[in-house]
Amino acid sequence: MKLSFDTKILLHELHYRKEKKHFIVEKNSTGDFYEMPEICIEAIEKINQQQSLKKIEEDLILAYPQEEVDLLSFVQQLIELELVKEVDGEEVFHDGINQAVSGFTWLPSSFARILFNKATIPLLLLLFLVNLLLFITDHRLMPHYTDIFLFQSMISNMGLYMLISLVLIILHELGHILALRSYDLPASVSVGHRMYILVVAETDLTAAWKLEAPQRYRLFLGGMFIDQLLLLAAILTKLSVPAGEELFAGIISIVILDIFIKTIYQCSIYMKTDLYYVLENATRCYNLMENGKNDLANWIPYLKKDSTTATFEGEEKMVRIYGIFSLIGVLFTFSLFVFYFIPQVTYILKTTLPHLVDPVDNPYFWDAVAIVLQLLIMAGLLLFTIIKSKKSSSV
């Protein structure tokens, strides 16, 4: 589409709000959000006033002498972002669909505010400190990688652990949903993955941009609030379980182990965990991960830069600090593999593989076969996702 200074532009209905550094712009019809500096907002306002593009550019050059102003390029970007409705009276058609979230509105906000209100974040910090203190003062509470092995049958152990983990994931996401509903905002949940093989549920927190920055913490930390509440309940239950209730005590230990691991995982901010969004919100640098990778690409040759994102002026220092936090997050992830995942897989193989030589009428033979098949499937999925990721990055 060829643009000129005589081109007439009609934008979609936009709503914008000043942040600490820049503006958050919302496209009302789709619920999409964009971060823009003040000069872009002034350009949008002048376009909405039907001023000529030539005059707008001249005014912006005078108002922002230190900025490089190219209004036609900016309008072209607006078109690519699907923010332009008409060009010279002709409607601009896009392939995009309305992505505005509208789920879980049946959950009353008054109910959500029972758990999620002004006291939620202070209470979360208190819960975290109490749980940490309990772990420090009673070493018996510290989760061990063998806690998931309640039965002799590995399939039974894996099935129970997966069931408990699934329930806890649902409750974690329910925390995010209730936090959204406490502000009377809609919510939706999808399934994603981390580190190629970790399947996770993800609550769409896009609606958080409708709120002021301090209000968003409740949304980002809603899942961890539920986690820490359940963890305290599990710890107190374990301390009060009478002797002889080994199965029940074992189930409680699995709950503690799972939440403990997921809490450490949240510190892996080189992925977009809940704590990553907390850091992003606190710094008001809304592309920390992408800009952090671009910064690393200056030092690591094989890393490819993301051309769709750029660092705003003054964010360079925070991007570097994020790199340090990312390194710490990698160490946290590495510790999970060293102290939990690798020992668990080693234990499973050491326990089950000898049963492959048992007679076929022995149930533990089939238990071993099922475990081996499960590991092969996981290895295949890991290989497939790595190959797929490399292919997509090379395109």
Protein backbone atom coordinates (compact mmCIF):
# COMPACT_ATOMS: atom_id res chain seq x y z
CA MET A 1 0.00 0.00 0.00
CA LYS A 2 1.58 3.28 -1.15
CA LEU A 3 1.22 6.16 1.28
CA SER A 4 1.71 9.88 0.71
CA PHE A 5 1.20 13.06 2.73
CA ASP A 6 -2.18 13.45 0.99
CA THR A 7 -3.40 10.06 2.27
CA LYS A 8 -6.45 10.22 4.57
CA ILE A 9 -6.27 7.87 7.57
CA LEU A 10 -9.08 6.66 9.83
CA LEU A 11 -7.98 4.71 12.89
CA HIS A 12 -9.86 2.09 14.86
CA GLU A 13 -11.22 3.20 18.22
CA LEU A 14 -8.25 3.28 20.60
CA HIS A 15 -7.95 3.87 24.31
CA TYR A 16 -4.65 4.87 25.88
CA ARG A 17 -3.34 5.50 29.37
CA LYS A 18 -0.09 7.04 30.63
CA GLU A 19 2.32 4.67 32.35
CA LYS A 20 5.46 5.62 34.24
CA LYS A 21 7.53 5.94 31.06
CA HIS A 22 5.25 5.52 28.06
CA PHE A 23 1.61 4.91 27.12
CA ILE A 24 -0.39 1.68 26.96
CA VAL A 25 -2.67 1.71 23.91
CA GLU A 26 -5.68 -0.62 23.66
CA LYS A 27 -7.53 -1.48 20.49
CA ASN A 28 -11.08 -1.62 21.85
CA SER A 29 -12.48 -4.04 19.26
CA THR A 30 -9.93 -6.80 19.90
CA GLY A 31 -8.49 -6.16 23.35
CA ASP A 32 -4.95 -5.97 21.95
CA PHE A 33 -2.45 -3.75 23.81
CA TYR A 34 0.63 -1.87 22.63
CA GLU A 35 3.29 0.24 24.34
CA MET A 36 4.06 3.58 22.67
CA PRO A 37 6.05 6.70 23.55
CA GLU A 38 4.42 10.11 23.91
CA ILE A 39 5.30 11.25 20.38
CA CYS A 40 3.25 8.36 18.94
CA ILE A 41 0.24 9.28 21.07
CA GLU A 42 0.40 12.87 19.89
CA ALA A 43 0.58 11.66 16.30
CA ILE A 44 -2.49 9.45 16.84
CA GLU A 45 -4.43 12.32 18.38
CA LYS A 46 -3.61 14.58 15.43
CA ILE A 47 -4.60 11.83 12.95
CA ASN A 48 -7.93 11.48 14.78
CA GLN A 49 -8.38 15.26 14.41
CA GLN A 50 -8.08 14.71 10.62
CA GLN A 51 -5.00 16.93 10.32
CA SER A 52 -2.91 16.42 7.18
CA LEU A 53 0.00 14.02 7.52
CA LYS A 54 2.39 16.67 6.26
CA LYS A 55 1.34 19.17 8.96
CA ILE A 56 1.46 16.47 11.65
CA GLU A 57 5.05 15.61 10.72
CA GLU A 58 6.09 19.28 10.70
CA ASP A 59 4.49 19.86 14.12
CA LEU A 60 6.16 16.77 15.59
CA ILE A 61 9.58 17.80 14.26
CA LEU A 62 9.19 21.14 16.03
CA ALA A 63 7.84 19.59 19.25
CA TYR A 64 10.40 16.76 19.39
CA PRO A 65 13.64 18.11 17.89
CA GLN A 66 15.70 15.23 19.31
CA GLU A 67 13.47 12.55 17.73
CA GLU A 68 13.73 11.19 14.20
CA VAL A 69 10.25 11.80 12.79
CA ASP A 70 9.02 9.82 9.77
CA LEU A 71 5.23 9.95 9.89
CA LEU A 72 4.61 7.85 6.78
CA SER A 73 6.66 5.00 8.26
CA PHE A 74 4.70 5.34 11.51
CA VAL A 75 1.37 5.13 9.64
CA GLN A 76 2.65 2.04 7.83
CA GLN A 77 3.43 0.49 11.24
CA LEU A 78 -0.09 1.33 12.41
CA ILE A 79 -1.45 -0.51 9.37
CA GLU A 80 0.73 -3.53 10.10
CA LEU A 81 -0.47 -3.50 13.72
CA GLU A 82 -4.05 -3.53 12.35
CA LEU A 83 -4.87 -0.21 14.04
CA VAL A 84 -5.94 1.52 10.80
CA LYS A 85 -9.59 1.15 9.79
CA GLU A 86 -9.66 3.07 6.49
CA VAL A 87 -7.13 4.49 4.03
CA ASP A 88 -8.52 7.15 1.66
CA GLY A 89 -12.04 5.97 2.43
CA GLU A 90 -11.33 2.31 1.67
CA GLU A 91 -11.63 -0.16 4.51
CA VAL A 92 -8.44 -2.00 5.45
CA PHE A 93 -9.12 -5.71 5.81
CA HIS A 94 -7.08 -7.87 8.16
CA ASP A 95 -6.89 -11.60 8.78
CA GLY A 96 -6.96 -11.10 12.54
CA ILE A 97 -9.99 -12.02 14.62
CA ASN A 98 -11.41 -10.53 17.79
CA GLN A 99 -9.18 -11.85 20.54
CA ALA A 100 -10.85 -10.06 23.42
CA VAL A 101 -11.15 -12.39 26.40
CA SER A 102 -14.69 -12.96 27.68
CA GLY A 103 -14.56 -16.11 29.84
CA PHE A 104 -15.45 -16.86 33.46
CA THR A 105 -17.71 -13.81 33.75
CA TRP A 106 -20.20 -16.10 35.52
CA LEU A 107 -17.89 -16.02 38.56
CA PRO A 108 -19.16 -13.14 40.74
CA SER A 109 -16.52 -10.52 41.50
CA SER A 110 -17.89 -10.22 45.04
CA PHE A 111 -16.99 -13.87 45.65
CA ALA A 112 -13.50 -13.42 44.15
CA ARG A 113 -12.83 -10.45 46.44
CA ILE A 114 -13.19 -12.66 49.52
CA LEU A 115 -9.73 -14.07 48.76
CA PHE A 116 -8.35 -11.37 46.49
CA ASN A 117 -8.36 -7.86 47.87
CA LYS A 118 -5.92 -5.26 49.20
CA ALA A 119 -4.63 -7.69 51.84
CA THR A 120 -3.72 -10.43 49.32
CA ILE A 121 -0.14 -9.39 48.49
CA PRO A 122 0.90 -8.72 52.14
CA LEU A 123 -0.68 -12.04 53.11
CA LEU A 124 1.20 -13.82 50.31
CA LEU A 125 4.52 -12.46 51.61
CA LEU A 126 3.57 -13.58 55.13
CA LEU A 127 2.62 -17.06 53.91
CA PHE A 128 5.92 -17.38 52.04
CA LEU A 129 7.96 -16.35 55.08
CA VAL A 130 6.03 -18.70 57.41
CA ASN A 131 6.48 -21.65 55.01
CA LEU A 132 10.18 -20.86 54.62
CA LEU A 133 10.59 -20.67 58.39
CA LEU A 134 8.87 -24.03 58.85
CA PHE A 135 11.22 -25.66 56.31
CA ILE A 136 14.26 -24.14 58.02
CA THR A 137 13.24 -25.10 61.57
CA ASP A 138 12.13 -28.67 60.78
CA HIS A 139 14.34 -30.46 58.25
CA ARG A 140 11.86 -33.37 58.13
CA LEU A 141 9.50 -31.14 56.15
CA MET A 142 12.01 -30.56 53.35
CA PRO A 143 10.76 -32.42 50.23
CA HIS A 144 12.86 -35.33 48.98
CA TYR A 145 12.88 -36.71 45.46
CA THR A 146 11.70 -40.11 46.75
CA ASP A 147 8.47 -38.64 48.13
CA ILE A 148 6.62 -39.55 44.92
CA PHE A 149 7.39 -43.27 45.30
CA LEU A 150 4.58 -44.49 47.56
CA PHE A 151 4.00 -47.82 45.85
CA GLN A 152 6.12 -50.60 44.43
CA SER A 153 4.45 -50.10 41.07
CA MET A 154 6.03 -47.17 39.21
CA ILE A 155 2.97 -46.69 37.03
CA SER A 156 0.86 -46.27 40.17
CA ASN A 157 3.40 -43.75 41.52
CA MET A 158 3.47 -41.76 38.29
CA GLY A 159 -0.31 -41.84 37.94
CA LEU A 160 -0.84 -40.53 41.48
CA TYR A 161 1.79 -37.83 41.10
CA MET A 162 0.34 -36.66 37.77
CA LEU A 163 -3.16 -36.55 39.25
CA ILE A 164 -2.05 -34.50 42.27
CA SER A 165 0.03 -32.20 40.06
CA LEU A 166 -2.94 -31.67 37.71
CA VAL A 167 -5.23 -30.73 40.61
CA LEU A 168 -2.63 -28.27 41.93
CA ILE A 169 -2.19 -26.73 38.46
CA ILE A 170 -5.94 -26.20 38.22
CA LEU A 171 -6.00 -24.55 41.65
CA HIS A 172 -3.03 -22.34 40.70
CA GLU A 173 -4.81 -21.13 37.58
CA LEU A 174 -7.99 -20.67 39.59
CA GLY A 175 -6.00 -18.18 41.66
CA HIS A 176 -5.24 -16.12 38.55
CA ILE A 177 -8.87 -16.37 37.41
CA LEU A 178 -10.24 -15.23 40.77
CA ALA A 179 -7.71 -12.39 40.87
CA LEU A 180 -8.99 -11.21 37.48
CA ARG A 181 -12.60 -11.55 38.56
CA SER A 182 -11.87 -9.55 41.73
CA TYR A 183 -11.46 -6.57 39.36
CA ASP A 184 -14.52 -7.71 37.39
CA LEU A 185 -12.30 -8.64 34.42
CA PRO A 186 -12.84 -11.70 32.16
CA ALA A 187 -10.37 -14.61 31.99
CA SER A 188 -9.42 -17.54 29.77
CA VAL A 189 -7.09 -20.53 30.19
CA SER A 190 -4.99 -22.29 27.55
CA VAL A 191 -2.33 -25.01 27.52
CA GLY A 192 1.32 -24.25 26.70
CA HIS A 193 4.76 -25.66 27.37
CA ARG A 194 8.07 -24.70 28.98
CA MET A 195 11.54 -26.03 28.26
CA TYR A 196 10.04 -28.08 25.39
CA ILE A 197 8.62 -30.85 27.63
CA LEU A 198 6.89 -29.20 30.59
CA VAL A 199 3.18 -28.87 29.83
CA VAL A 200 1.62 -25.95 31.68
CA ALA A 201 -1.74 -24.24 31.92
CA GLU A 202 -1.70 -20.52 31.19
CA THR A 203 -4.29 -17.96 32.20
CA ASP A 204 -4.56 -15.07 29.74
CA LEU A 205 -3.67 -11.98 31.78
CA THR A 206 -3.94 -9.54 28.86
CA ALA A 207 -6.79 -7.78 30.65
CA ALA A 208 -4.25 -6.71 33.31
CA TRP A 209 -3.32 -3.82 31.02
CA LYS A 210 -6.70 -2.26 31.77
CA LEU A 211 -5.48 -1.73 35.35
CA GLU A 212 -2.97 0.64 36.87
CA ALA A 213 0.47 -0.93 37.36
CA PRO A 214 0.19 -1.42 41.17
CA GLN A 215 -3.12 -3.26 40.74
CA ARG A 216 -1.60 -5.84 38.37
CA TYR A 217 0.48 -7.56 41.05
CA ARG A 218 -2.63 -9.26 42.40
CA LEU A 219 -3.25 -10.81 38.98
CA PHE A 220 0.34 -11.93 38.43
CA LEU A 221 0.71 -13.40 41.93
CA GLY A 222 -2.80 -14.88 42.26
CA GLY A 223 -1.60 -18.40 41.44
CA MET A 224 1.34 -18.25 43.85
CA PHE A 225 -0.99 -17.00 46.58
CA ILE A 226 -3.09 -20.15 46.24
CA ASP A 227 0.11 -22.25 46.11
CA GLN A 228 1.47 -20.83 49.36
CA LEU A 229 -1.91 -21.12 51.06
CA LEU A 230 -2.13 -24.80 50.09
CA LEU A 231 1.52 -25.35 51.05
CA LEU A 232 0.95 -24.03 54.57
CA ALA A 233 -2.17 -26.19 54.91
CA ALA A 234 -0.21 -29.25 53.70
CA ILE A 235 2.70 -28.60 56.08
CA LEU A 236 0.39 -28.17 59.09
CA THR A 237 -1.50 -31.31 58.06
CA LYS A 238 1.73 -33.31 57.80
CA LEU A 239 2.78 -32.18 61.26
CA SER A 240 -0.53 -33.37 62.70
CA VAL A 241 -0.96 -36.69 60.83
CA PRO A 242 -1.06 -39.54 63.39
CA ALA A 243 1.40 -42.42 63.14
CA GLY A 244 0.27 -45.27 60.91
CA GLU A 245 -1.45 -43.07 58.31
CA GLU A 246 1.36 -43.69 55.84
CA LEU A 247 -0.67 -43.38 52.63
CA PHE A 248 -2.30 -40.11 53.67
CA ALA A 249 1.02 -38.72 54.92
CA GLY A 250 2.62 -39.78 51.62
CA ILE A 251 -0.02 -37.94 49.59
CA ILE A 252 0.55 -34.79 51.67
CA SER A 253 4.31 -35.12 51.07
CA ILE A 254 3.68 -35.24 47.30
CA VAL A 255 1.61 -32.05 47.57
CA ILE A 256 4.46 -30.34 49.46
CA LEU A 257 7.04 -31.58 46.94
CA ASP A 258 5.02 -30.42 43.93
CA ILE A 259 4.36 -26.91 45.28
CA PHE A 260 7.98 -26.62 46.47
CA ILE A 261 9.27 -27.45 42.97
CA LYS A 262 6.78 -25.11 41.28
CA THR A 263 7.75 -22.26 43.62
CA ILE A 264 11.42 -22.67 42.66
CA TYR A 265 10.38 -22.90 39.01
CA GLN A 266 8.70 -19.49 39.30
CA CYS A 267 12.17 -18.03 39.97
CA SER A 268 13.25 -19.12 36.47
CA ILE A 269 12.49 -15.70 35.01
CA TYR A 270 14.36 -16.42 31.79
CA MET A 271 11.00 -17.99 30.96
CA LYS A 272 7.77 -16.03 31.27
CA THR A 273 6.85 -17.19 34.76
CA ASP A 274 4.61 -15.27 37.15
CA LEU A 275 7.64 -13.64 38.79
CA TYR A 276 8.90 -12.55 35.37
CA TYR A 277 5.72 -10.52 34.88
CA VAL A 278 6.12 -9.09 38.40
CA LEU A 279 9.64 -7.91 37.49
CA GLU A 280 8.45 -6.57 34.15
CA ASN A 281 5.65 -4.64 35.85
CA ALA A 282 7.92 -3.29 38.60
CA THR A 283 10.47 -1.95 36.10
CA ARG A 284 7.89 -0.86 33.50
CA CYS A 285 10.13 -2.47 30.87
CA TYR A 286 7.55 -4.55 29.03
CA ASN A 287 9.79 -6.56 26.71
CA LEU A 288 12.50 -7.62 29.14
CA MET A 289 12.85 -11.15 27.82
CA GLU A 290 13.01 -10.17 24.15
CA ASN A 291 15.34 -7.23 24.78
CA GLY A 292 17.46 -9.37 27.11
CA LYS A 293 17.94 -11.94 24.34
CA ASN A 294 18.81 -9.18 21.89
CA ASP A 295 21.42 -7.87 24.33
CA LEU A 296 22.90 -11.35 24.73
CA ALA A 297 22.97 -11.71 20.93
CA ASN A 298 25.60 -8.96 20.90
CA TRP A 299 27.89 -11.28 22.85
CA ILE A 300 26.78 -14.78 21.75
CA PRO A 301 27.09 -15.17 17.95
CA TYR A 302 24.57 -17.99 17.40
CA LEU A 303 21.69 -16.12 19.09
CA LYS A 304 19.31 -14.46 16.64
CA LYS A 305 17.99 -10.97 17.37
CA ASP A 306 14.26 -10.27 17.46
CA SER A 307 13.68 -7.43 15.00
CA THR A 308 10.10 -6.85 16.19
CA THR A 309 11.14 -5.38 19.55
CA ALA A 310 13.40 -2.53 20.59
CA THR A 311 14.76 -1.13 23.83
CA PHE A 312 13.39 2.26 24.79
CA GLU A 313 15.78 4.94 25.97
CA GLY A 314 16.81 4.42 29.59
CA GLU A 315 15.98 0.68 29.65
CA GLU A 316 19.47 -0.59 28.81
CA LYS A 317 20.56 -0.85 32.47
CA MET A 318 17.45 -2.78 33.47
CA VAL A 319 17.89 -5.15 30.52
CA ARG A 320 21.42 -5.93 31.74
CA ILE A 321 20.15 -6.50 35.30
CA TYR A 322 17.50 -8.82 33.90
CA GLY A 323 20.29 -10.83 32.31
CA ILE A 324 21.82 -11.36 35.76
CA PHE A 325 18.46 -12.45 37.20
CA SER A 326 18.00 -14.79 34.24
CA LEU A 327 21.34 -16.42 35.03
CA ILE A 328 20.19 -16.94 38.62
CA GLY A 329 16.98 -18.45 37.25
CA VAL A 330 19.00 -20.88 35.14
CA LEU A 331 20.83 -21.95 38.30
CA PHE A 332 17.48 -22.55 40.04
CA THR A 333 16.33 -24.70 37.12
CA PHE A 334 19.63 -26.58 37.13
CA SER A 335 19.21 -27.25 40.86
CA LEU A 336 15.77 -28.78 40.21
CA PHE A 337 17.30 -31.18 37.70
CA VAL A 338 20.24 -32.06 39.96
CA PHE A 339 18.30 -32.60 43.19
CA TYR A 340 14.93 -33.82 41.93
CA PHE A 341 14.35 -34.70 38.26
CA ILE A 342 17.56 -36.59 37.47
CA PRO A 343 17.53 -38.58 40.76
CA GLN A 344 13.85 -39.46 40.19
CA VAL A 345 14.47 -40.73 36.65
CA THR A 346 17.56 -42.64 37.86
CA TYR A 347 15.58 -44.23 40.68
CA ILE A 348 12.75 -45.19 38.31
CA LEU A 349 15.13 -46.83 35.82
CA LYS A 350 17.12 -48.57 38.54
CA THR A 351 13.93 -49.98 40.06
CA THR A 352 12.00 -50.95 36.93
CA LEU A 353 14.52 -52.04 34.28
CA PRO A 354 15.50 -55.27 36.11
CA HIS A 355 11.84 -56.38 35.83
CA LEU A 356 12.12 -56.49 32.02
CA VAL A 357 13.64 -59.97 32.39
CA ASP A 358 10.74 -61.19 34.54
CA PRO A 359 8.13 -63.56 33.08
CA VAL A 360 5.38 -61.87 31.09
CA ASP A 361 2.78 -63.00 33.60
CA ASN A 362 4.54 -60.95 36.29
CA PRO A 363 2.72 -57.58 36.72
CA TYR A 364 6.02 -55.81 37.37
CA PHE A 365 7.22 -56.83 33.89
CA TRP A 366 4.39 -54.83 32.34
CA ASP A 367 5.01 -52.04 34.82
CA ALA A 368 8.59 -51.83 33.51
CA VAL A 369 7.42 -51.96 29.88
CA ALA A 370 4.97 -49.10 30.49
CA ILE A 371 7.67 -46.95 32.12
CA VAL A 372 10.12 -47.57 29.27
CA LEU A 373 7.45 -46.67 26.70
CA GLN A 374 6.59 -43.52 28.63
CA LEU A 375 10.24 -42.43 28.71
CA LEU A 376 10.64 -43.14 24.98
CA ILE A 377 7.54 -41.08 24.19
CA MET A 378 8.84 -38.18 26.29
CA ALA A 379 12.25 -38.40 24.60
CA GLY A 380 10.55 -38.43 21.19
CA LEU A 381 8.45 -35.38 22.06
CA LEU A 382 11.55 -33.57 23.31
CA LEU A 383 13.42 -34.34 20.07
CA PHE A 384 10.41 -33.33 17.97
CA THR A 385 9.97 -29.97 19.73
CA ILE A 386 13.71 -29.18 19.51
CA ILE A 387 13.74 -29.91 15.76
CA LYS A 388 10.52 -27.93 15.25
CA SER A 389 11.92 -24.99 17.23
CA LYS A 390 15.14 -24.96 15.19
CA LYS A 391 13.21 -25.11 11.91
CA SER A 392 10.92 -22.22 12.90
CA SER A 393 13.86 -20.10 14.05
CA SER A 394 15.70 -20.66 10.77
CA VAL A 395 12.77 -19.49 8.64
